Each structure stands twice: as structure tokens, then as C-alpha cells.
Amino acid sequence: MTGVGVEKNPALGIELLRRSAAQGYAEGHLLLALSYFEGKGQPKDEEKGFAELKKAVELRMDGNNAL
């Protein structure tokens, strides 16, 4: 969501993170959690942030993919 080399588009960044998370990528869940905690690209929501963080940790502990 930094927009390096392209125009910044927070809404698209969040959509891409959601797609990544939906495909089971731990890093997608982690970055989505951070966006919830920081309120970047979407409203702050700690509850959703912790839910996404938990999913990232569970995926990583299962060995499905690395962070």
C-alpha cells in the first residue's frame, strides 16, 4: 500500500490484501491485520486486526507458508 512506482490507491491495496488472505497466505493476513491496527486504507478496528493476526499465526504454525 505504499504506492512505490505507481499512484497510491489504498482501496485497491486493501482489496489485494484481502484476496491474498482469502487464498491462505499468512503474509496477506499479517498485512491486513496491520492495516486494521493502523487504520491505513480502512477504519481502525482492533478486533478485526487481532482476528487477522491470529489467522496469520495459525497458518505459519501449520507450516502452510512463511511470513
Protein backbone atom coordinates (compact mmCIF):
# COMPACT_ATOMS: atom_id res chain seq x y z
CA MET A 1 0.00 0.00 0.00
CA THR A 2 2.98 2.28 -0.34
CA GLY A 3 2.36 3.06 -3.99
CA VAL A 4 6.03 2.76 -4.97
CA GLY A 5 6.29 3.44 -8.69
CA VAL A 6 2.54 3.87 -9.07
CA GLU A 7 -0.15 6.19 -7.82
CA LYS A 8 -1.24 5.33 -4.28
CA ASN A 9 -4.59 3.57 -4.11
CA PRO A 10 -5.38 2.42 -0.54
CA ALA A 11 -8.71 0.84 -1.53
CA LEU A 12 -7.02 -1.35 -4.13
CA GLY A 13 -4.26 -2.19 -1.67
CA ILE A 14 -6.78 -3.43 0.89
CA GLU A 15 -8.64 -5.41 -1.78
CA LEU A 16 -5.41 -7.13 -2.84
CA LEU A 17 -4.54 -7.93 0.78
CA ARG A 18 -8.00 -9.45 1.26
CA ARG A 19 -7.54 -11.59 -1.84
CA SER A 20 -4.15 -12.74 -0.62
CA ALA A 21 -5.56 -13.62 2.79
CA ALA A 22 -8.52 -15.43 1.22
CA GLN A 23 -6.06 -17.62 -0.68
CA GLY A 24 -4.48 -18.63 2.63
CA TYR A 25 -1.28 -16.58 2.60
CA ALA A 26 -0.06 -15.80 6.10
CA GLU A 27 1.60 -12.58 4.96
CA GLY A 28 -1.70 -11.38 3.49
CA HIS A 29 -3.37 -11.89 6.87
CA LEU A 30 -0.48 -10.19 8.66
CA LEU A 31 -0.52 -7.10 6.45
CA LEU A 32 -4.29 -6.92 6.63
CA ALA A 33 -4.05 -7.06 10.44
CA LEU A 34 -1.55 -4.20 10.44
CA SER A 35 -3.83 -2.13 8.24
CA TYR A 36 -6.66 -2.65 10.74
CA PHE A 37 -4.42 -1.74 13.70
CA GLU A 38 -3.09 1.40 12.00
CA GLY A 39 -6.26 2.42 10.20
CA LYS A 40 -4.48 2.59 6.86
CA GLY A 41 -6.81 2.17 3.90
CA GLN A 42 -9.72 1.34 6.16
CA PRO A 43 -11.08 2.35 9.58
CA LYS A 44 -9.17 1.23 12.66
CA ASP A 45 -10.59 -1.98 14.11
CA GLU A 46 -8.51 -3.81 16.70
CA GLU A 47 -10.92 -6.73 16.91
CA LYS A 48 -10.58 -7.46 13.19
CA GLY A 49 -6.84 -6.81 13.43
CA PHE A 50 -6.41 -9.46 16.12
CA ALA A 51 -8.58 -11.90 14.16
CA GLU A 52 -6.36 -11.50 11.08
CA LEU A 53 -3.21 -11.73 13.18
CA LYS A 54 -4.46 -14.96 14.73
CA LYS A 55 -5.08 -16.43 11.26
CA ALA A 56 -1.55 -15.45 10.18
CA VAL A 57 -0.02 -17.14 13.21
CA GLU A 58 -2.14 -20.28 12.79
CA LEU A 59 -1.13 -20.58 9.13
CA ARG A 60 2.52 -20.09 9.98
CA MET A 61 2.40 -22.64 12.83
CA ASP A 62 0.79 -25.17 10.50
CA GLY A 63 3.74 -24.68 8.18
CA ASN A 64 1.49 -23.69 5.28
CA ASN A 65 3.58 -20.67 4.32
CA ALA A 66 6.25 -18.39 5.66
CA LEU A 67 5.91 -14.80 6.72
